[in-house]
């Protein structure tokens, strides 16, 4: 499973379609479609950060690497990225 598949998993988990997911994270519909449906591109840093900031239940490490679980078990990400131990240095 690559990062495009993991983004699709998030979309399914949230019961969204590509257009509503794009609106929710604040990225253009065609940009999201190019990553998750057409697979022409890989998501960039800003794309990934918008996903992580939007879905506070999401484990950023899983999104980036595929390791662990999609949902944070200990909810350390509640309140946003700034509280996530793996992302504090950003």
PDB file of N, CA and C in Angstrom:
ATOM      1  N   UNK A   1       0.851  -1.180   0.000  1.00  0.00           N
ATOM      2  CA  UNK A   1       0.000   0.000   0.000  1.00  0.00           C
ATOM      3  C   UNK A   1       0.892   1.238   0.000  1.00  0.00           C
ATOM      4  N   UNK A   2       0.683   2.115  -0.963  1.00  0.00           N
ATOM      5  CA  UNK A   2       1.464   3.352  -1.002  1.00  0.00           C
ATOM      6  C   UNK A   2       0.650   4.508  -0.417  1.00  0.00           C
ATOM      7  N   UNK A   3       1.240   5.692  -0.407  1.00  0.00           N
ATOM      8  CA  UNK A   3       0.583   6.837   0.228  1.00  0.00           C
ATOM      9  C   UNK A   3      -0.740   7.195  -0.454  1.00  0.00           C
ATOM     10  N   UNK A   4      -0.829   6.974  -1.750  1.00  0.00           N
ATOM     11  CA  UNK A   4      -2.100   7.247  -2.452  1.00  0.00           C
ATOM     12  C   UNK A   4      -3.201   6.319  -1.939  1.00  0.00           C
ATOM     13  N   UNK A   5      -2.865   5.051  -1.712  1.00  0.00           N
ATOM     14  CA  UNK A   5      -3.826   4.104  -1.147  1.00  0.00           C
ATOM     15  C   UNK A   5      -4.234   4.522   0.264  1.00  0.00           C
ATOM     16  N   UNK A   6      -3.268   4.998   1.055  1.00  0.00           N
ATOM     17  CA  UNK A   6      -3.575   5.415   2.420  1.00  0.00           C
ATOM     18  C   UNK A   6      -4.499   6.638   2.433  1.00  0.00           C
ATOM     19  N   UNK A   7      -4.292   7.555   1.500  1.00  0.00           N
ATOM     20  CA  UNK A   7      -5.197   8.710   1.404  1.00  0.00           C
ATOM     21  C   UNK A   7      -6.600   8.239   1.032  1.00  0.00           C
ATOM     22  N   UNK A   8      -6.692   7.278   0.138  1.00  0.00           N
ATOM     23  CA  UNK A   8      -7.996   6.706  -0.205  1.00  0.00           C
ATOM     24  C   UNK A   8      -8.651   6.063   1.010  1.00  0.00           C
ATOM     25  N   UNK A   9      -7.872   5.441   1.865  1.00  0.00           N
ATOM     26  CA  UNK A   9      -8.407   4.850   3.094  1.00  0.00           C
ATOM     27  C   UNK A   9      -9.007   5.926   4.001  1.00  0.00           C
ATOM     28  N   UNK A  10      -8.331   7.065   4.084  1.00  0.00           N
ATOM     29  CA  UNK A  10      -8.840   8.182   4.888  1.00  0.00           C
ATOM     30  C   UNK A  10     -10.159   8.678   4.311  1.00  0.00           C
ATOM     31  N   UNK A  11     -10.210   8.824   3.001  1.00  0.00           N
ATOM     32  CA  UNK A  11     -11.441   9.278   2.337  1.00  0.00           C
ATOM     33  C   UNK A  11     -12.588   8.314   2.642  1.00  0.00           C
ATOM     34  N   UNK A  12     -12.332   7.019   2.545  1.00  0.00           N
ATOM     35  CA  UNK A  12     -13.364   6.017   2.848  1.00  0.00           C
ATOM     36  C   UNK A  12     -13.769   6.079   4.315  1.00  0.00           C
ATOM     37  N   UNK A  13     -12.784   6.198   5.201  1.00  0.00           N
ATOM     38  CA  UNK A  13     -13.052   6.244   6.641  1.00  0.00           C
ATOM     39  C   UNK A  13     -13.965   7.420   6.992  1.00  0.00           C
ATOM     40  N   UNK A  14     -13.783   8.533   6.317  1.00  0.00           N
ATOM     41  CA  UNK A  14     -14.580   9.736   6.562  1.00  0.00           C
ATOM     42  C   UNK A  14     -15.875   9.763   5.752  1.00  0.00           C
ATOM     43  N   UNK A  15     -16.121   8.724   4.960  1.00  0.00           N
ATOM     44  CA  UNK A  15     -17.313   8.652   4.106  1.00  0.00           C
ATOM     45  C   UNK A  15     -17.436   9.868   3.190  1.00  0.00           C
ATOM     46  N   UNK A  16     -16.310  10.233   2.576  1.00  0.00           N
ATOM     47  CA  UNK A  16     -16.274  11.383   1.670  1.00  0.00           C
ATOM     48  C   UNK A  16     -16.024  10.911   0.251  1.00  0.00           C
ATOM     49  N   UNK A  17     -16.294  11.778  -0.712  1.00  0.00           N
ATOM     50  CA  UNK A  17     -15.837  11.547  -2.067  1.00  0.00           C
ATOM     51  C   UNK A  17     -14.625  12.462  -2.294  1.00  0.00           C
ATOM     52  N   UNK A  18     -14.017  12.378  -3.436  1.00  0.00           N
ATOM     53  CA  UNK A  18     -12.804  13.159  -3.692  1.00  0.00           C
ATOM     54  C   UNK A  18     -13.070  14.653  -3.593  1.00  0.00           C
ATOM     55  N   UNK A  19     -14.177  15.110  -4.153  1.00  0.00           N
ATOM     56  CA  UNK A  19     -14.485  16.546  -4.130  1.00  0.00           C
ATOM     57  C   UNK A  19     -14.708  17.052  -2.706  1.00  0.00           C
ATOM     58  N   UNK A  20     -15.449  16.316  -1.908  1.00  0.00           N
ATOM     59  CA  UNK A  20     -15.708  16.768  -0.532  1.00  0.00           C
ATOM     60  C   UNK A  20     -14.445  16.670   0.330  1.00  0.00           C
ATOM     61  N   UNK A  21     -13.615  15.665   0.086  1.00  0.00           N
ATOM     62  CA  UNK A  21     -12.329  15.554   0.784  1.00  0.00           C
ATOM     63  C   UNK A  21     -11.442  16.748   0.440  1.00  0.00           C
ATOM     64  N   UNK A  22     -11.399  17.091  -0.844  1.00  0.00           N
ATOM     65  CA  UNK A  22     -10.592  18.232  -1.293  1.00  0.00           C
ATOM     66  C   UNK A  22     -11.045  19.526  -0.623  1.00  0.00           C
ATOM     67  N   UNK A  23     -12.339  19.750  -0.570  1.00  0.00           N
ATOM     68  CA  UNK A  23     -12.866  20.949   0.105  1.00  0.00           C
ATOM     69  C   UNK A  23     -12.513  20.940   1.587  1.00  0.00           C
ATOM     70  N   UNK A  24     -12.646  19.785   2.210  1.00  0.00           N
ATOM     71  CA  UNK A  24     -12.398  19.690   3.644  1.00  0.00           C
ATOM     72  C   UNK A  24     -10.946  20.013   3.998  1.00  0.00           C
ATOM     73  N   UNK A  25      -9.991  19.570   3.174  1.00  0.00           N
ATOM     74  CA  UNK A  25      -8.582  19.840   3.474  1.00  0.00           C
ATOM     75  C   UNK A  25      -8.077  21.133   2.833  1.00  0.00           C
ATOM     76  N   UNK A  26      -8.891  21.742   1.986  1.00  0.00           N
ATOM     77  CA  UNK A  26      -8.517  23.020   1.385  1.00  0.00           C
ATOM     78  C   UNK A  26      -7.552  22.923   0.226  1.00  0.00           C
ATOM     79  N   UNK A  27      -7.705  21.874  -0.555  1.00  0.00           N
ATOM     80  CA  UNK A  27      -6.857  21.683  -1.741  1.00  0.00           C
ATOM     81  C   UNK A  27      -7.785  21.493  -2.936  1.00  0.00           C
ATOM     82  N   UNK A  28      -7.338  21.935  -4.089  1.00  0.00           N
ATOM     83  CA  UNK A  28      -8.154  21.829  -5.293  1.00  0.00           C
ATOM     84  C   UNK A  28      -8.542  20.405  -5.639  1.00  0.00           C
ATOM     85  N   UNK A  29      -9.764  20.269  -6.105  1.00  0.00           N
ATOM     86  CA  UNK A  29     -10.318  18.976  -6.481  1.00  0.00           C
ATOM     87  C   UNK A  29      -9.428  18.237  -7.478  1.00  0.00           C
ATOM     88  N   UNK A  30      -8.961  18.938  -8.490  1.00  0.00           N
ATOM     89  CA  UNK A  30      -8.134  18.287  -9.513  1.00  0.00           C
ATOM     90  C   UNK A  30      -6.784  17.830  -8.966  1.00  0.00           C
ATOM     91  N   UNK A  31      -6.246  18.570  -8.001  1.00  0.00           N
ATOM     92  CA  UNK A  31      -4.985  18.169  -7.373  1.00  0.00           C
ATOM     93  C   UNK A  31      -5.177  16.856  -6.628  1.00  0.00           C
ATOM     94  N   UNK A  32      -6.235  16.788  -5.845  1.00  0.00           N
ATOM     95  CA  UNK A  32      -6.520  15.559  -5.090  1.00  0.00           C
ATOM     96  C   UNK A  32      -6.801  14.410  -6.053  1.00  0.00           C
ATOM     97  N   UNK A  33      -7.611  14.671  -7.064  1.00  0.00           N
ATOM     98  CA  UNK A  33      -7.940  13.637  -8.047  1.00  0.00           C
ATOM     99  C   UNK A  33      -6.675  13.108  -8.742  1.00  0.00           C
ATOM    100  N   UNK A  34      -5.739  13.997  -9.039  1.00  0.00           N
ATOM    101  CA  UNK A  34      -4.487  13.590  -9.677  1.00  0.00           C
ATOM    102  C   UNK A  34      -3.639  12.681  -8.799  1.00  0.00           C
ATOM    103  N   UNK A  35      -3.804  12.798  -7.494  1.00  0.00           N
ATOM    104  CA  UNK A  35      -3.051  11.953  -6.554  1.00  0.00           C
ATOM    105  C   UNK A  35      -3.774  10.641  -6.287  1.00  0.00           C
ATOM    106  N   UNK A  36      -5.058  10.711  -5.926  1.00  0.00           N
ATOM    107  CA  UNK A  36      -5.731   9.509  -5.445  1.00  0.00           C
ATOM    108  C   UNK A  36      -6.461   8.708  -6.523  1.00  0.00           C
ATOM    109  N   UNK A  37      -6.943   9.338  -7.552  1.00  0.00           N
ATOM    110  CA  UNK A  37      -7.695   8.607  -8.575  1.00  0.00           C
ATOM    111  C   UNK A  37      -6.835   8.300  -9.808  1.00  0.00           C
ATOM    112  N   UNK A  38      -6.189   9.314 -10.329  1.00  0.00           N
ATOM    113  CA  UNK A  38      -5.402   9.127 -11.548  1.00  0.00           C
ATOM    114  C   UNK A  38      -3.975   8.669 -11.259  1.00  0.00           C
ATOM    115  N   UNK A  39      -3.522   8.931 -10.044  1.00  0.00           N
ATOM    116  CA  UNK A  39      -2.171   8.543  -9.608  1.00  0.00           C
ATOM    117  C   UNK A  39      -1.068   9.106 -10.501  1.00  0.00           C
ATOM    118  N   UNK A  40      -1.283  10.326 -10.967  1.00  0.00           N
ATOM    119  CA  UNK A  40      -0.264  10.994 -11.781  1.00  0.00           C
ATOM    120  C   UNK A  40       0.835  11.575 -10.920  1.00  0.00           C
ATOM    121  N   UNK A  41       0.478  11.953  -9.694  1.00  0.00           N
ATOM    122  CA  UNK A  41       1.427  12.624  -8.806  1.00  0.00           C
ATOM    123  C   UNK A  41       1.399  11.991  -7.430  1.00  0.00           C
ATOM    124  N   UNK A  42       2.467  12.229  -6.686  1.00  0.00           N
ATOM    125  CA  UNK A  42       2.504  11.894  -5.265  1.00  0.00           C
ATOM    126  C   UNK A  42       2.199  13.175  -4.498  1.00  0.00           C
ATOM    127  N   UNK A  43       1.590  13.068  -3.326  1.00  0.00           N
ATOM    128  CA  UNK A  43       1.268  14.276  -2.570  1.00  0.00           C
ATOM    129  C   UNK A  43       2.526  14.950  -2.035  1.00  0.00           C
ATOM    130  N   UNK A  44       2.544  16.278  -2.077  1.00  0.00           N
ATOM    131  CA  UNK A  44       3.662  17.045  -1.547  1.00  0.00           C
ATOM    132  C   UNK A  44       3.487  17.322  -0.065  1.00  0.00           C
ATOM    133  N   UNK A  45       4.461  18.013   0.506  1.00  0.00           N
ATOM    134  CA  UNK A  45       4.470  18.318   1.934  1.00  0.00           C
ATOM    135  C   UNK A  45       3.210  19.067   2.361  1.00  0.00           C
ATOM    136  N   UNK A  46       2.830  20.111   1.625  1.00  0.00           N
ATOM    137  CA  UNK A  46       1.650  20.906   1.993  1.00  0.00           C
ATOM    138  C   UNK A  46       0.373  20.060   1.964  1.00  0.00           C
ATOM    139  N   UNK A  47       0.261  19.208   0.976  1.00  0.00           N
ATOM    140  CA  UNK A  47      -0.888  18.309   0.843  1.00  0.00           C
ATOM    141  C   UNK A  47      -0.969  17.406   2.081  1.00  0.00           C
ATOM    142  N   UNK A  48       0.136  16.787   2.433  1.00  0.00           N
ATOM    143  CA  UNK A  48       0.178  15.884   3.589  1.00  0.00           C
ATOM    144  C   UNK A  48      -0.121  16.632   4.881  1.00  0.00           C
ATOM    145  N   UNK A  49       0.458  17.807   5.045  1.00  0.00           N
ATOM    146  CA  UNK A  49       0.230  18.573   6.266  1.00  0.00           C
ATOM    147  C   UNK A  49      -1.231  18.982   6.409  1.00  0.00           C
ATOM    148  N   UNK A  50      -1.881  19.321   5.311  1.00  0.00           N
ATOM    149  CA  UNK A  50      -3.296  19.692   5.384  1.00  0.00           C
ATOM    150  C   UNK A  50      -4.152  18.508   5.815  1.00  0.00           C
ATOM    151  N   UNK A  51      -3.794  17.327   5.360  1.00  0.00           N
ATOM    152  CA  UNK A  51      -4.519  16.126   5.790  1.00  0.00           C
ATOM    153  C   UNK A  51      -4.334  15.916   7.289  1.00  0.00           C
ATOM    154  N   UNK A  52      -3.095  15.974   7.747  1.00  0.00           N
ATOM    155  CA  UNK A  52      -2.787  15.740   9.163  1.00  0.00           C
ATOM    156  C   UNK A  52      -3.451  16.792  10.047  1.00  0.00           C
ATOM    157  N   UNK A  53      -3.459  18.029   9.609  1.00  0.00           N
ATOM    158  CA  UNK A  53      -4.070  19.094  10.402  1.00  0.00           C
ATOM    159  C   UNK A  53      -5.596  18.999  10.420  1.00  0.00           C
ATOM    160  N   UNK A  54      -6.182  18.460   9.382  1.00  0.00           N
ATOM    161  CA  UNK A  54      -7.634  18.367   9.287  1.00  0.00           C
ATOM    162  C   UNK A  54      -8.191  17.207  10.110  1.00  0.00           C
ATOM    163  N   UNK A  55      -7.514  16.090  10.097  1.00  0.00           N
ATOM    164  CA  UNK A  55      -8.015  14.883  10.751  1.00  0.00           C
ATOM    165  C   UNK A  55      -7.177  14.584  11.991  1.00  0.00           C
ATOM    166  N   UNK A  56      -7.648  15.081  13.130  1.00  0.00           N
ATOM    167  CA  UNK A  56      -6.856  14.970  14.348  1.00  0.00           C
ATOM    168  C   UNK A  56      -6.762  13.541  14.886  1.00  0.00           C
ATOM    169  N   UNK A  57      -7.573  12.643  14.386  1.00  0.00           N
ATOM    170  CA  UNK A  57      -7.526  11.240  14.793  1.00  0.00           C
ATOM    171  C   UNK A  57      -6.472  10.454  14.014  1.00  0.00           C
ATOM    172  N   UNK A  58      -5.939  11.045  12.954  1.00  0.00           N
ATOM    173  CA  UNK A  58      -5.034  10.359  12.036  1.00  0.00           C
ATOM    174  C   UNK A  58      -3.611  10.292  12.568  1.00  0.00           C
ATOM    175  N   UNK A  59      -2.991   9.137  12.443  1.00  0.00           N
ATOM    176  CA  UNK A  59      -1.586   8.977  12.807  1.00  0.00           C
ATOM    177  C   UNK A  59      -0.738   9.394  11.599  1.00  0.00           C
ATOM    178  N   UNK A  60      -0.033  10.498  11.718  1.00  0.00           N
ATOM    179  CA  UNK A  60       0.781  11.029  10.621  1.00  0.00           C
ATOM    180  C   UNK A  60       1.866  10.047  10.198  1.00  0.00           C
ATOM    181  N   UNK A  61       2.413   9.326  11.156  1.00  0.00           N
ATOM    182  CA  UNK A  61       3.459   8.338  10.843  1.00  0.00           C
ATOM    183  C   UNK A  61       2.898   7.257   9.912  1.00  0.00           C
ATOM    184  N   UNK A  62       1.676   6.814  10.181  1.00  0.00           N
ATOM    185  CA  UNK A  62       1.036   5.828   9.307  1.00  0.00           C
ATOM    186  C   UNK A  62       0.833   6.408   7.912  1.00  0.00           C
ATOM    187  N   UNK A  63       0.349   7.629   7.834  1.00  0.00           N
ATOM    188  CA  UNK A  63       0.104   8.248   6.533  1.00  0.00           C
ATOM    189  C   UNK A  63       1.379   8.301   5.700  1.00  0.00           C
ATOM    190  N   UNK A  64       2.465   8.689   6.316  1.00  0.00           N
ATOM    191  CA  UNK A  64       3.717   8.872   5.580  1.00  0.00           C
ATOM    192  C   UNK A  64       4.410   7.550   5.267  1.00  0.00           C
ATOM    193  N   UNK A  65       4.443   6.636   6.246  1.00  0.00           N
ATOM    194  CA  UNK A  65       5.238   5.413   6.083  1.00  0.00           C
ATOM    195  C   UNK A  65       4.428   4.151   5.858  1.00  0.00           C
ATOM    196  N   UNK A  66       3.177   4.159   6.285  1.00  0.00           N
ATOM    197  CA  UNK A  66       2.376   2.943   6.225  1.00  0.00           C
ATOM    198  C   UNK A  66       2.571   2.043   7.433  1.00  0.00           C
ATOM    199  N   UNK A  67       3.397   2.457   8.369  1.00  0.00           N
ATOM    200  CA  UNK A  67       3.665   1.662   9.562  1.00  0.00           C
ATOM    201  C   UNK A  67       2.685   2.027  10.673  1.00  0.00           C
ATOM    202  N   UNK A  68       2.252   1.024  11.427  1.00  0.00           N
ATOM    203  CA  UNK A  68       1.332   1.265  12.529  1.00  0.00           C
ATOM    204  C   UNK A  68      -0.105   1.282  12.066  1.00  0.00           C
ATOM    205  N   UNK A  69      -0.939   1.997  12.801  1.00  0.00           N
ATOM    206  CA  UNK A  69      -2.374   2.056  12.528  1.00  0.00           C
ATOM    207  C   UNK A  69      -2.773   3.435  12.019  1.00  0.00           C
ATOM    208  N   UNK A  70      -3.826   3.462  11.222  1.00  0.00           N
ATOM    209  CA  UNK A  70      -4.316   4.722  10.683  1.00  0.00           C
ATOM    210  C   UNK A  70      -4.805   5.648  11.807  1.00  0.00           C
ATOM    211  N   UNK A  71      -5.466   5.081  12.785  1.00  0.00           N
ATOM    212  CA  UNK A  71      -6.050   5.881  13.856  1.00  0.00           C
ATOM    213  C   UNK A  71      -5.112   5.878  15.055  1.00  0.00           C
ATOM    214  N   UNK A  72      -4.828   7.065  15.572  1.00  0.00           N
ATOM    215  CA  UNK A  72      -3.978   7.188  16.762  1.00  0.00           C
ATOM    216  C   UNK A  72      -4.679   6.539  17.939  1.00  0.00           C
ATOM    217  N   UNK A  73      -4.031   5.572  18.528  1.00  0.00           N
ATOM    218  CA  UNK A  73      -4.626   4.888  19.669  1.00  0.00           C
ATOM    219  C   UNK A  73      -4.619   5.761  20.908  1.00  0.00           C
ATOM    220  N   UNK A  74      -3.567   6.541  21.093  1.00  0.00           N
ATOM    221  CA  UNK A  74      -3.471   7.351  22.302  1.00  0.00           C
ATOM    222  C   UNK A  74      -3.914   8.788  22.083  1.00  0.00           C
ATOM    223  N   UNK A  75      -4.356   9.115  20.870  1.00  0.00           N
ATOM    224  CA  UNK A  75      -4.896  10.432  20.537  1.00  0.00           C
ATOM    225  C   UNK A  75      -3.956  11.589  20.883  1.00  0.00           C
ATOM    226  N   UNK A  76      -2.664  11.381  20.738  1.00  0.00           N
ATOM    227  CA  UNK A  76      -1.708  12.452  20.986  1.00  0.00           C
ATOM    228  C   UNK A  76      -1.865  13.599  20.000  1.00  0.00           C
ATOM    229  N   UNK A  77      -2.516  13.349  18.891  1.00  0.00           N
ATOM    230  CA  UNK A  77      -2.667  14.402  17.889  1.00  0.00           C
ATOM    231  C   UNK A  77      -3.856  15.306  18.163  1.00  0.00           C
ATOM    232  N   UNK A  78      -4.622  15.051  19.211  1.00  0.00           N
ATOM    233  CA  UNK A  78      -5.742  15.940  19.516  1.00  0.00           C
ATOM    234  C   UNK A  78      -5.214  17.360  19.693  1.00  0.00           C
ATOM    235  N   UNK A  79      -5.827  18.291  19.056  1.00  0.00           N
ATOM    236  CA  UNK A  79      -5.382  19.671  19.135  1.00  0.00           C
ATOM    237  C   UNK A  79      -4.471  20.045  17.984  1.00  0.00           C
ATOM    238  N   UNK A  80      -4.176  19.105  17.104  1.00  0.00           N
ATOM    239  CA  UNK A  80      -3.397  19.435  15.919  1.00  0.00           C
ATOM    240  C   UNK A  80      -2.003  18.861  15.910  1.00  0.00           C
ATOM    241  N   UNK A  81      -1.294  19.185  14.841  1.00  0.00           N
ATOM    242  CA  UNK A  81       0.043  18.675  14.588  1.00  0.00           C
ATOM    243  C   UNK A  81       1.033  19.095  15.661  1.00  0.00           C
ATOM    244  N   UNK A  82       0.877  20.269  16.211  1.00  0.00           N
ATOM    245  CA  UNK A  82       1.870  20.793  17.148  1.00  0.00           C
ATOM    246  C   UNK A  82       2.072  19.888  18.358  1.00  0.00           C
ATOM    247  N   UNK A  83       1.077  19.065  18.679  1.00  0.00           N
ATOM    248  CA  UNK A  83       1.195  18.173  19.822  1.00  0.00           C
ATOM    249  C   UNK A  83       1.700  16.784  19.468  1.00  0.00           C
ATOM    250  N   UNK A  84       1.895  16.513  18.206  1.00  0.00           N
ATOM    251  CA  UNK A  84       2.333  15.186  17.788  1.00  0.00           C
ATOM    252  C   UNK A  84       3.834  15.047  18.007  1.00  0.00           C
ATOM    253  N   UNK A  85       4.268  14.051  18.786  1.00  0.00           N
ATOM    254  CA  UNK A  85       5.690  13.936  19.125  1.00  0.00           C
ATOM    255  C   UNK A  85       6.592  13.757  17.919  1.00  0.00           C
ATOM    256  N   UNK A  86       6.111  13.101  16.882  1.00  0.00           N
ATOM    257  CA  UNK A  86       6.947  12.878  15.696  1.00  0.00           C
ATOM    258  C   UNK A  86       7.097  14.147  14.848  1.00  0.00           C
ATOM    259  N   UNK A  87       6.205  15.112  15.050  1.00  0.00           N
ATOM    260  CA  UNK A  87       6.217  16.316  14.222  1.00  0.00           C
ATOM    261  C   UNK A  87       6.578  17.574  14.986  1.00  0.00           C
ATOM    262  N   UNK A  88       6.942  17.455  16.246  1.00  0.00           N
ATOM    263  CA  UNK A  88       7.259  18.647  17.055  1.00  0.00           C
ATOM    264  C   UNK A  88       8.391  19.469  16.449  1.00  0.00           C
ATOM    265  N   UNK A  89       9.334  18.825  15.821  1.00  0.00           N
ATOM    266  CA  UNK A  89      10.480  19.555  15.270  1.00  0.00           C
ATOM    267  C   UNK A  89      10.105  20.435  14.085  1.00  0.00           C
ATOM    268  N   UNK A  90       8.899  20.221  13.479  1.00  0.00           N
ATOM    269  CA  UNK A  90       8.464  21.037  12.359  1.00  0.00           C
ATOM    270  C   UNK A  90       7.839  22.249  12.918  1.00  0.00           C
TER     271      UNK A  90
END
